[in-house]
Amino acid sequence: MAQFTWHPKHSHNGHPSDSAARSSDFNVRLCSTTDVQLRFLCPDDLEEVRTLCLDWFPIDYPLSWYQDITSSERFFALACVYNFSIIGLIVAEIKPYTILNYEDRGILPESMGKNSEVGYILSLGVHKKHRRNGIGSLLLDSLINHLTTAERYKVKAIFLHVLTTNQPAILFYESRGFILHSFLPFYYSIRGKSKDGFTYVSYLNGGHPPWTLYDHLKHWCSLVTRAGGLCSWIGNRVRNALRWICYRTMSRQQLMSAMQQNEPVNNATKRIGVKGV
């Protein structure tokens, strides 16, 4: 098993940025290929990344997008390099949950989403010659490790959009534990044609999808099962209380009935006594 180091992102003058320098201490292991390095994208990568994306993806990204992902600290833009060439890359960003588009708002429960963040994968691609070598998993694992540090505990989910016809990507994400969240009809516009998409989600840092009725029933059943003797004790106390209430109620009713039966006899005796006098 070969070991590969995380190489920092460099600025125009060749010096690593502060955040990139902190990441240079990470080690990443890869099982199948050799001489692979991970580093953040830099402005000098723009043309190479643009050429790769035009070959990998059907979407035509504007030039400003490439400028952003190769220079802005807002993006987690990581490249996998082999023989001084980029053979894979992943681009993601962290967003507050409250600013997501309407179609993505159901990823988290409302109560959890108010103060939470989510990671959004904008792009993940691998050169055709190097697919099925673990490069995609290596890049995705690096992102997940980045999002599951103590400083990013507010990130409760990571999600992405994918064409419904992109079966290799769908199978890859499902194999990595991503679950289908929603179907997005006519979500993409590719070369003038509308295409359907899916939203896939993976939860982390304690995040979970909104609960259904089944989830609530399952939760309460598990609480009863775990409570065990406590529930039995509570049940016995409730039964005893009900028995006591029933006993008091019946006793009072019997007393009132007896009083009602004795009342005519007493009144008759009083009347006879009066007449005798």
C-alpha atoms as a PDB file:
ATOM      1  CA  MET A   1       0.000   0.000   0.000  1.00  0.00           C
ATOM      2  CA  ALA A   2       1.645   3.184  -1.172  1.00  0.00           C
ATOM      3  CA  GLN A   3       1.432   6.441   0.784  1.00  0.00           C
ATOM      4  CA  PHE A   4       0.861   9.826  -0.796  1.00  0.00           C
ATOM      5  CA  THR A   5       1.106  13.282   0.682  1.00  0.00           C
ATOM      6  CA  TRP A   6      -1.333  16.144   0.453  1.00  0.00           C
ATOM      7  CA  HIS A   7       0.361  18.937  -1.490  1.00  0.00           C
ATOM      8  CA  PRO A   8      -0.656  22.537  -0.740  1.00  0.00           C
ATOM      9  CA  LYS A   9      -2.309  24.944  -3.082  1.00  0.00           C
ATOM     10  CA  HIS A  10       0.021  27.725  -4.300  1.00  0.00           C
ATOM     11  CA  SER A  11      -0.736  31.302  -5.104  1.00  0.00           C
ATOM     12  CA  HIS A  12       0.585  33.259  -8.086  1.00  0.00           C
ATOM     13  CA  ASN A  13       3.919  33.868  -6.369  1.00  0.00           C
ATOM     14  CA  GLY A  14       4.445  30.184  -5.637  1.00  0.00           C
ATOM     15  CA  HIS A  15       3.860  30.361  -1.861  1.00  0.00           C
ATOM     16  CA  PRO A  16       1.193  28.222  -0.227  1.00  0.00           C
ATOM     17  CA  SER A  17      -1.829  29.969   1.271  1.00  0.00           C
ATOM     18  CA  ASP A  18      -2.402  29.699   5.030  1.00  0.00           C
ATOM     19  CA  SER A  19      -5.275  27.235   4.831  1.00  0.00           C
ATOM     20  CA  ALA A  20      -3.436  25.130   2.294  1.00  0.00           C
ATOM     21  CA  ALA A  21      -0.304  25.037   4.411  1.00  0.00           C
ATOM     22  CA  ARG A  22      -2.275  23.669   7.335  1.00  0.00           C
ATOM     23  CA  SER A  23      -3.583  20.875   5.101  1.00  0.00           C
ATOM     24  CA  SER A  24      -0.095  19.809   3.993  1.00  0.00           C
ATOM     25  CA  ASP A  25       0.324  17.668   7.094  1.00  0.00           C
ATOM     26  CA  PHE A  26      -2.317  15.176   5.919  1.00  0.00           C
ATOM     27  CA  ASN A  27      -1.355  11.778   4.517  1.00  0.00           C
ATOM     28  CA  VAL A  28      -3.579   9.908   2.073  1.00  0.00           C
ATOM     29  CA  ARG A  29      -3.308   6.233   1.176  1.00  0.00           C
ATOM     30  CA  LEU A  30      -4.179   4.764  -2.201  1.00  0.00           C
ATOM     31  CA  CYS A  31      -4.354   1.044  -2.920  1.00  0.00           C
ATOM     32  CA  SER A  32      -4.008   0.645  -6.681  1.00  0.00           C
ATOM     33  CA  THR A  33      -1.827   3.280  -8.383  1.00  0.00           C
ATOM     34  CA  THR A  34       1.557   4.770  -7.636  1.00  0.00           C
ATOM     35  CA  ASP A  35       3.155   8.187  -7.864  1.00  0.00           C
ATOM     36  CA  VAL A  36      -0.134  10.008  -7.254  1.00  0.00           C
ATOM     37  CA  GLN A  37      -0.236  13.334  -5.425  1.00  0.00           C
ATOM     38  CA  LEU A  38      -3.073  15.445  -4.059  1.00  0.00           C
ATOM     39  CA  ARG A  39      -2.912  19.228  -4.136  1.00  0.00           C
ATOM     40  CA  PHE A  40      -5.294  22.151  -4.292  1.00  0.00           C
ATOM     41  CA  LEU A  41      -5.940  23.855  -7.598  1.00  0.00           C
ATOM     42  CA  CYS A  42      -4.102  27.083  -8.361  1.00  0.00           C
ATOM     43  CA  PRO A  43      -4.639  29.766 -11.036  1.00  0.00           C
ATOM     44  CA  ASP A  44      -2.046  28.148 -13.301  1.00  0.00           C
ATOM     45  CA  ASP A  45      -4.326  25.098 -13.579  1.00  0.00           C
ATOM     46  CA  LEU A  46      -7.166  27.004 -15.232  1.00  0.00           C
ATOM     47  CA  GLU A  47      -6.627  25.955 -18.843  1.00  0.00           C
ATOM     48  CA  GLU A  48      -5.830  22.339 -17.980  1.00  0.00           C
ATOM     49  CA  VAL A  49      -8.899  22.043 -15.769  1.00  0.00           C
ATOM     50  CA  ARG A  50     -11.082  23.680 -18.389  1.00  0.00           C
ATOM     51  CA  THR A  51      -9.900  21.227 -21.057  1.00  0.00           C
ATOM     52  CA  LEU A  52     -10.585  18.271 -18.766  1.00  0.00           C
ATOM     53  CA  CYS A  53     -14.058  19.466 -17.775  1.00  0.00           C
ATOM     54  CA  LEU A  54     -15.038  20.055 -21.405  1.00  0.00           C
ATOM     55  CA  ASP A  55     -14.109  16.441 -22.066  1.00  0.00           C
ATOM     56  CA  TRP A  56     -15.675  14.965 -18.900  1.00  0.00           C
ATOM     57  CA  PHE A  57     -18.950  16.865 -18.503  1.00  0.00           C
ATOM     58  CA  PRO A  58     -21.746  17.815 -20.916  1.00  0.00           C
ATOM     59  CA  ILE A  59     -22.275  21.169 -19.173  1.00  0.00           C
ATOM     60  CA  ASP A  60     -20.451  24.233 -20.517  1.00  0.00           C
ATOM     61  CA  TYR A  61     -19.207  26.141 -17.488  1.00  0.00           C
ATOM     62  CA  PRO A  62     -18.451  29.846 -17.956  1.00  0.00           C
ATOM     63  CA  LEU A  63     -14.883  31.081 -17.720  1.00  0.00           C
ATOM     64  CA  SER A  64     -15.685  32.808 -14.421  1.00  0.00           C
ATOM     65  CA  TRP A  65     -16.437  29.411 -12.875  1.00  0.00           C
ATOM     66  CA  TYR A  66     -12.958  28.131 -13.703  1.00  0.00           C
ATOM     67  CA  GLN A  67     -11.438  31.336 -12.369  1.00  0.00           C
ATOM     68  CA  ASP A  68     -13.318  30.889  -9.099  1.00  0.00           C
ATOM     69  CA  ILE A  69     -12.442  27.256  -8.463  1.00  0.00           C
ATOM     70  CA  THR A  70      -8.753  27.796  -9.233  1.00  0.00           C
ATOM     71  CA  SER A  71      -8.301  30.902  -7.100  1.00  0.00           C
ATOM     72  CA  SER A  72     -11.075  31.388  -4.525  1.00  0.00           C
ATOM     73  CA  GLU A  73     -10.667  30.004  -1.001  1.00  0.00           C
ATOM     74  CA  ARG A  74     -14.440  29.553  -0.911  1.00  0.00           C
ATOM     75  CA  PHE A  75     -14.110  26.269  -2.797  1.00  0.00           C
ATOM     76  CA  PHE A  76     -12.592  22.964  -1.788  1.00  0.00           C
ATOM     77  CA  ALA A  77     -10.919  22.312  -5.151  1.00  0.00           C
ATOM     78  CA  LEU A  78      -8.598  19.340  -4.973  1.00  0.00           C
ATOM     79  CA  ALA A  79      -6.626  17.796  -7.854  1.00  0.00           C
ATOM     80  CA  CYS A  80      -5.160  14.327  -8.171  1.00  0.00           C
ATOM     81  CA  VAL A  81      -1.870  14.555 -10.095  1.00  0.00           C
ATOM     82  CA  TYR A  82      -0.014  11.777 -11.891  1.00  0.00           C
ATOM     83  CA  ASN A  83       3.206  12.429 -13.847  1.00  0.00           C
ATOM     84  CA  PHE A  84       2.686  16.190 -13.464  1.00  0.00           C
ATOM     85  CA  SER A  85      -0.784  15.983 -15.077  1.00  0.00           C
ATOM     86  CA  ILE A  86      -4.187  16.311 -13.414  1.00  0.00           C
ATOM     87  CA  ILE A  87      -6.043  13.010 -13.731  1.00  0.00           C
ATOM     88  CA  GLY A  88      -8.900  13.767 -11.348  1.00  0.00           C
ATOM     89  CA  LEU A  89     -10.456  16.595  -9.394  1.00  0.00           C
ATOM     90  CA  ILE A  90     -13.238  17.363  -6.966  1.00  0.00           C
ATOM     91  CA  VAL A  91     -14.820  20.783  -6.395  1.00  0.00           C
ATOM     92  CA  ALA A  92     -17.127  21.434  -3.454  1.00  0.00           C
ATOM     93  CA  GLU A  93     -18.258  24.246  -1.196  1.00  0.00           C
ATOM     94  CA  ILE A  94     -19.874  24.631   2.202  1.00  0.00           C
ATOM     95  CA  LYS A  95     -23.208  26.456   2.300  1.00  0.00           C
ATOM     96  CA  PRO A  96     -25.573  27.525   5.081  1.00  0.00           C
ATOM     97  CA  TYR A  97     -28.614  25.283   4.872  1.00  0.00           C
ATOM     98  CA  THR A  98     -30.976  28.265   4.962  1.00  0.00           C
ATOM     99  CA  ILE A  99     -29.810  29.616   1.587  1.00  0.00           C
ATOM    100  CA  LEU A 100     -30.311  26.401  -0.384  1.00  0.00           C
ATOM    101  CA  ASN A 101     -32.679  26.373  -3.321  1.00  0.00           C
ATOM    102  CA  TYR A 102     -36.240  25.248  -2.660  1.00  0.00           C
ATOM    103  CA  GLU A 103     -35.756  21.809  -4.222  1.00  0.00           C
ATOM    104  CA  ASP A 104     -32.911  21.042  -1.794  1.00  0.00           C
ATOM    105  CA  ARG A 105     -34.504  22.311   1.426  1.00  0.00           C
ATOM    106  CA  GLY A 106     -35.875  18.902   2.416  1.00  0.00           C
ATOM    107  CA  ILE A 107     -32.447  17.372   2.927  1.00  0.00           C
ATOM    108  CA  LEU A 108     -32.480  18.100   6.674  1.00  0.00           C
ATOM    109  CA  PRO A 109     -35.305  18.455   9.227  1.00  0.00           C
ATOM    110  CA  GLU A 110     -36.407  22.053   9.730  1.00  0.00           C
ATOM    111  CA  SER A 111     -35.322  22.022  13.372  1.00  0.00           C
ATOM    112  CA  MET A 112     -31.821  20.841  12.437  1.00  0.00           C
ATOM    113  CA  GLY A 113     -31.426  22.999   9.360  1.00  0.00           C
ATOM    114  CA  LYS A 114     -31.773  26.388  11.041  1.00  0.00           C
ATOM    115  CA  ASN A 115     -28.170  26.532  12.248  1.00  0.00           C
ATOM    116  CA  SER A 116     -26.602  23.858  10.055  1.00  0.00           C
ATOM    117  CA  GLU A 117     -24.405  23.833   6.988  1.00  0.00           C
ATOM    118  CA  VAL A 118     -24.143  21.404   4.086  1.00  0.00           C
ATOM    119  CA  GLY A 119     -21.420  20.440   1.672  1.00  0.00           C
ATOM    120  CA  TYR A 120     -22.284  20.618  -2.024  1.00  0.00           C
ATOM    121  CA  ILE A 121     -20.252  18.748  -4.640  1.00  0.00           C
ATOM    122  CA  LEU A 122     -20.132  20.871  -7.766  1.00  0.00           C
ATOM    123  CA  SER A 123     -17.920  18.524  -9.732  1.00  0.00           C
ATOM    124  CA  LEU A 124     -16.105  15.209  -9.436  1.00  0.00           C
ATOM    125  CA  GLY A 125     -14.310  13.744 -12.429  1.00  0.00           C
ATOM    126  CA  VAL A 126     -11.531  11.303 -13.307  1.00  0.00           C
ATOM    127  CA  HIS A 127      -9.604  10.927 -16.556  1.00  0.00           C
ATOM    128  CA  LYS A 128     -10.926   8.048 -18.642  1.00  0.00           C
ATOM    129  CA  LYS A 129      -7.552   6.276 -18.630  1.00  0.00           C
ATOM    130  CA  HIS A 130      -7.421   6.218 -14.845  1.00  0.00           C
ATOM    131  CA  ARG A 131     -10.973   5.311 -13.871  1.00  0.00           C
ATOM    132  CA  ARG A 132     -11.695   2.296 -11.644  1.00  0.00           C
ATOM    133  CA  ASN A 133      -8.355   2.812  -9.904  1.00  0.00           C
ATOM    134  CA  GLY A 134      -9.766   4.361  -6.744  1.00  0.00           C
ATOM    135  CA  ILE A 135      -9.082   7.962  -7.759  1.00  0.00           C
ATOM    136  CA  GLY A 136     -12.713   9.046  -7.335  1.00  0.00           C
ATOM    137  CA  SER A 137     -12.913   7.438  -3.890  1.00  0.00           C
ATOM    138  CA  LEU A 138      -9.625   9.053  -2.891  1.00  0.00           C
ATOM    139  CA  LEU A 139     -10.927  12.507  -3.799  1.00  0.00           C
ATOM    140  CA  LEU A 140     -14.304  11.923  -2.133  1.00  0.00           C
ATOM    141  CA  ASP A 141     -12.658  10.588   1.031  1.00  0.00           C
ATOM    142  CA  SER A 142     -10.484  13.702   1.184  1.00  0.00           C
ATOM    143  CA  LEU A 143     -13.575  15.904   1.050  1.00  0.00           C
ATOM    144  CA  ILE A 144     -15.393  13.863   3.691  1.00  0.00           C
ATOM    145  CA  ASN A 145     -12.360  14.018   5.983  1.00  0.00           C
ATOM    146  CA  HIS A 146     -12.319  17.780   5.470  1.00  0.00           C
ATOM    147  CA  LEU A 147     -16.002  18.059   6.433  1.00  0.00           C
ATOM    148  CA  THR A 148     -15.873  15.803   9.496  1.00  0.00           C
ATOM    149  CA  THR A 149     -13.263  17.706  11.493  1.00  0.00           C
ATOM    150  CA  ALA A 150     -14.228  19.229  14.839  1.00  0.00           C
ATOM    151  CA  GLU A 151     -14.314  22.745  13.366  1.00  0.00           C
ATOM    152  CA  ARG A 152     -16.969  21.717  10.833  1.00  0.00           C
ATOM    153  CA  TYR A 153     -19.397  19.927  13.144  1.00  0.00           C
ATOM    154  CA  LYS A 154     -22.187  22.146  11.768  1.00  0.00           C
ATOM    155  CA  VAL A 155     -21.945  20.414   8.378  1.00  0.00           C
ATOM    156  CA  LYS A 156     -24.697  17.785   8.624  1.00  0.00           C
ATOM    157  CA  ALA A 157     -24.889  16.513   5.058  1.00  0.00           C
ATOM    158  CA  ILE A 158     -23.138  16.420   1.726  1.00  0.00           C
ATOM    159  CA  PHE A 159     -25.170  16.371  -1.482  1.00  0.00           C
ATOM    160  CA  LEU A 160     -24.934  16.632  -5.251  1.00  0.00           C
ATOM    161  CA  HIS A 161     -26.985  16.699  -8.424  1.00  0.00           C
ATOM    162  CA  VAL A 162     -26.515  14.163 -11.189  1.00  0.00           C
ATOM    163  CA  LEU A 163     -28.109  13.434 -14.545  1.00  0.00           C
ATOM    164  CA  THR A 164     -30.580  10.554 -14.404  1.00  0.00           C
ATOM    165  CA  THR A 165     -28.793   9.046 -17.401  1.00  0.00           C
ATOM    166  CA  ASN A 166     -25.345   9.084 -15.763  1.00  0.00           C
ATOM    167  CA  GLN A 167     -25.448   5.508 -14.477  1.00  0.00           C
ATOM    168  CA  PRO A 168     -21.702   5.170 -13.716  1.00  0.00           C
ATOM    169  CA  ALA A 169     -21.832   8.225 -11.424  1.00  0.00           C
ATOM    170  CA  ILE A 170     -25.066   7.049  -9.767  1.00  0.00           C
ATOM    171  CA  LEU A 171     -23.622   3.602  -9.081  1.00  0.00           C
ATOM    172  CA  PHE A 172     -20.445   5.164  -7.689  1.00  0.00           C
ATOM    173  CA  TYR A 173     -22.268   7.433  -5.253  1.00  0.00           C
ATOM    174  CA  GLU A 174     -24.651   4.698  -4.160  1.00  0.00           C
ATOM    175  CA  SER A 175     -21.711   2.405  -3.475  1.00  0.00           C
ATOM    176  CA  ARG A 176     -20.313   5.159  -1.238  1.00  0.00           C
ATOM    177  CA  GLY A 177     -23.482   5.352   0.864  1.00  0.00           C
ATOM    178  CA  PHE A 178     -25.260   8.245  -0.838  1.00  0.00           C
ATOM    179  CA  ILE A 179     -29.042   7.887  -0.951  1.00  0.00           C
ATOM    180  CA  LEU A 180     -31.535   9.208  -3.486  1.00  0.00           C
ATOM    181  CA  HIS A 181     -33.311  12.240  -2.090  1.00  0.00           C
ATOM    182  CA  SER A 182     -35.402  13.646  -4.937  1.00  0.00           C
ATOM    183  CA  PHE A 183     -36.134  13.564  -8.646  1.00  0.00           C
ATOM    184  CA  LEU A 184     -35.628  16.872 -10.469  1.00  0.00           C
ATOM    185  CA  PRO A 185     -37.532  17.007 -13.773  1.00  0.00           C
ATOM    186  CA  PHE A 186     -35.969  19.271 -16.430  1.00  0.00           C
ATOM    187  CA  TYR A 187     -33.289  20.367 -13.953  1.00  0.00           C
ATOM    188  CA  TYR A 188     -30.467  20.659 -16.510  1.00  0.00           C
ATOM    189  CA  SER A 189     -30.293  22.610 -19.737  1.00  0.00           C
ATOM    190  CA  ILE A 190     -27.678  20.948 -21.946  1.00  0.00           C
ATOM    191  CA  ARG A 191     -27.100  22.261 -25.437  1.00  0.00           C
ATOM    192  CA  GLY A 192     -30.584  23.687 -25.555  1.00  0.00           C
ATOM    193  CA  LYS A 193     -32.313  20.532 -24.272  1.00  0.00           C
ATOM    194  CA  SER A 194     -33.841  19.959 -20.841  1.00  0.00           C
ATOM    195  CA  LYS A 195     -32.595  16.946 -18.910  1.00  0.00           C
ATOM    196  CA  ASP A 196     -33.819  15.327 -15.697  1.00  0.00           C
ATOM    197  CA  GLY A 197     -31.669  15.046 -12.601  1.00  0.00           C
ATOM    198  CA  PHE A 198     -31.436  13.377  -9.209  1.00  0.00           C
ATOM    199  CA  THR A 199     -30.351  14.723  -5.837  1.00  0.00           C
ATOM    200  CA  TYR A 200     -28.169  12.344  -3.827  1.00  0.00           C
ATOM    201  CA  VAL A 201     -27.318  12.887  -0.154  1.00  0.00           C
ATOM    202  CA  SER A 202     -24.962  11.451   2.441  1.00  0.00           C
ATOM    203  CA  TYR A 203     -25.271  12.410   6.111  1.00  0.00           C
ATOM    204  CA  LEU A 204     -22.436  13.131   8.522  1.00  0.00           C
ATOM    205  CA  ASN A 205     -21.716  14.728  11.900  1.00  0.00           C
ATOM    206  CA  GLY A 206     -25.011  13.441  13.317  1.00  0.00           C
ATOM    207  CA  GLY A 207     -27.182  14.687  10.472  1.00  0.00           C
ATOM    208  CA  HIS A 208     -30.213  12.713   9.294  1.00  0.00           C
ATOM    209  CA  PRO A 209     -33.144  13.149   6.885  1.00  0.00           C
ATOM    210  CA  PRO A 210     -36.540  14.453   8.052  1.00  0.00           C
ATOM    211  CA  TRP A 211     -38.448  11.779   9.948  1.00  0.00           C
ATOM    212  CA  THR A 212     -41.503  10.068   8.504  1.00  0.00           C
ATOM    213  CA  LEU A 213     -44.387   8.624  10.557  1.00  0.00           C
ATOM    214  CA  TYR A 214     -42.668   5.252  10.378  1.00  0.00           C
ATOM    215  CA  ASP A 215     -39.474   6.757  11.823  1.00  0.00           C
ATOM    216  CA  HIS A 216     -41.390   8.250  14.768  1.00  0.00           C
ATOM    217  CA  LEU A 217     -43.121   4.924  15.522  1.00  0.00           C
ATOM    218  CA  LYS A 218     -39.814   3.088  15.262  1.00  0.00           C
ATOM    219  CA  HIS A 219     -38.209   5.599  17.635  1.00  0.00           C
ATOM    220  CA  TRP A 220     -40.884   5.262  20.297  1.00  0.00           C
ATOM    221  CA  CYS A 221     -40.887   1.481  20.023  1.00  0.00           C
ATOM    222  CA  SER A 222     -37.137   1.440  20.554  1.00  0.00           C
ATOM    223  CA  LEU A 223     -37.524   3.659  23.633  1.00  0.00           C
ATOM    224  CA  VAL A 224     -40.092   1.266  25.108  1.00  0.00           C
ATOM    225  CA  THR A 225     -37.854  -1.706  24.349  1.00  0.00           C
ATOM    226  CA  ARG A 226     -34.812  -0.064  25.934  1.00  0.00           C
ATOM    227  CA  ALA A 227     -36.793   1.096  28.976  1.00  0.00           C
ATOM    228  CA  GLY A 228     -37.693  -2.523  29.865  1.00  0.00           C
ATOM    229  CA  GLY A 229     -38.337  -2.744  33.624  1.00  0.00           C
ATOM    230  CA  LEU A 230     -39.084   0.959  33.937  1.00  0.00           C
ATOM    231  CA  CYS A 231     -42.079   0.687  31.597  1.00  0.00           C
ATOM    232  CA  SER A 232     -43.309  -2.371  33.500  1.00  0.00           C
ATOM    233  CA  TRP A 233     -43.070  -0.463  36.811  1.00  0.00           C
ATOM    234  CA  ILE A 234     -44.927   2.525  35.338  1.00  0.00           C
ATOM    235  CA  GLY A 235     -47.606   0.219  33.926  1.00  0.00           C
ATOM    236  CA  ASN A 236     -48.165  -1.445  37.317  1.00  0.00           C
ATOM    237  CA  ARG A 237     -48.434   1.937  39.033  1.00  0.00           C
ATOM    238  CA  VAL A 238     -50.984   3.129  36.499  1.00  0.00           C
ATOM    239  CA  ARG A 239     -53.050  -0.064  36.887  1.00  0.00           C
ATOM    240  CA  ASN A 240     -53.017   0.253  40.675  1.00  0.00           C
ATOM    241  CA  ALA A 241     -54.110   3.877  40.454  1.00  0.00           C
ATOM    242  CA  LEU A 242     -56.982   2.958  38.136  1.00  0.00           C
ATOM    243  CA  ARG A 243     -58.082   0.176  40.471  1.00  0.00           C
ATOM    244  CA  TRP A 244     -58.064   2.575  43.431  1.00  0.00           C
ATOM    245  CA  ILE A 245     -60.120   5.135  41.518  1.00  0.00           C
ATOM    246  CA  CYS A 246     -62.611   2.453  40.441  1.00  0.00           C
ATOM    247  CA  TYR A 247     -62.884   1.152  44.023  1.00  0.00           C
ATOM    248  CA  ARG A 248     -63.534   4.633  45.441  1.00  0.00           C
ATOM    249  CA  THR A 249     -66.058   5.378  42.730  1.00  0.00           C
ATOM    250  CA  MET A 250     -67.945   2.102  43.282  1.00  0.00           C
ATOM    251  CA  SER A 251     -67.913   2.533  47.072  1.00  0.00           C
ATOM    252  CA  ARG A 252     -69.386   6.012  46.779  1.00  0.00           C
ATOM    253  CA  GLN A 253     -72.084   4.787  44.396  1.00  0.00           C
ATOM    254  CA  GLN A 254     -73.018   1.924  46.732  1.00  0.00           C
ATOM    255  CA  LEU A 255     -73.253   4.299  49.706  1.00  0.00           C
ATOM    256  CA  MET A 256     -75.487   6.718  47.794  1.00  0.00           C
ATOM    257  CA  SER A 257     -77.714   3.830  46.689  1.00  0.00           C
ATOM    258  CA  ALA A 258     -78.113   2.562  50.265  1.00  0.00           C
ATOM    259  CA  MET A 259     -78.986   6.031  51.521  1.00  0.00           C
ATOM    260  CA  GLN A 260     -81.599   6.438  48.826  1.00  0.00           C
ATOM    261  CA  GLN A 261     -83.184   3.063  49.772  1.00  0.00           C
ATOM    262  CA  ASN A 262     -83.305   3.889  53.526  1.00  0.00           C
ATOM    263  CA  GLU A 263     -84.722   7.401  53.133  1.00  0.00           C
ATOM    264  CA  PRO A 264     -88.467   6.419  52.588  1.00  0.00           C
ATOM    265  CA  VAL A 265     -88.497   4.093  55.624  1.00  0.00           C
ATOM    266  CA  ASN A 266     -87.169   6.780  57.977  1.00  0.00           C
ATOM    267  CA  ASN A 267     -89.674   9.325  56.735  1.00  0.00           C
ATOM    268  CA  ALA A 268     -92.567   6.871  57.258  1.00  0.00           C
ATOM    269  CA  THR A 269     -91.500   6.127  60.815  1.00  0.00           C
ATOM    270  CA  LYS A 270     -91.386   9.830  61.606  1.00  0.00           C
ATOM    271  CA  ARG A 271     -94.902  10.334  60.248  1.00  0.00           C
ATOM    272  CA  ILE A 272     -96.346   7.425  62.277  1.00  0.00           C
ATOM    273  CA  GLY A 273     -94.736   8.757  65.432  1.00  0.00           C
ATOM    274  CA  VAL A 274     -96.336  12.125  64.899  1.00  0.00           C
ATOM    275  CA  LYS A 275     -99.787  10.674  64.506  1.00  0.00           C
ATOM    276  CA  GLY A 276     -99.395   8.496  67.629  1.00  0.00           C
ATOM    277  CA  VAL A 277     -98.814  11.548  69.718  1.00  0.00           C
END
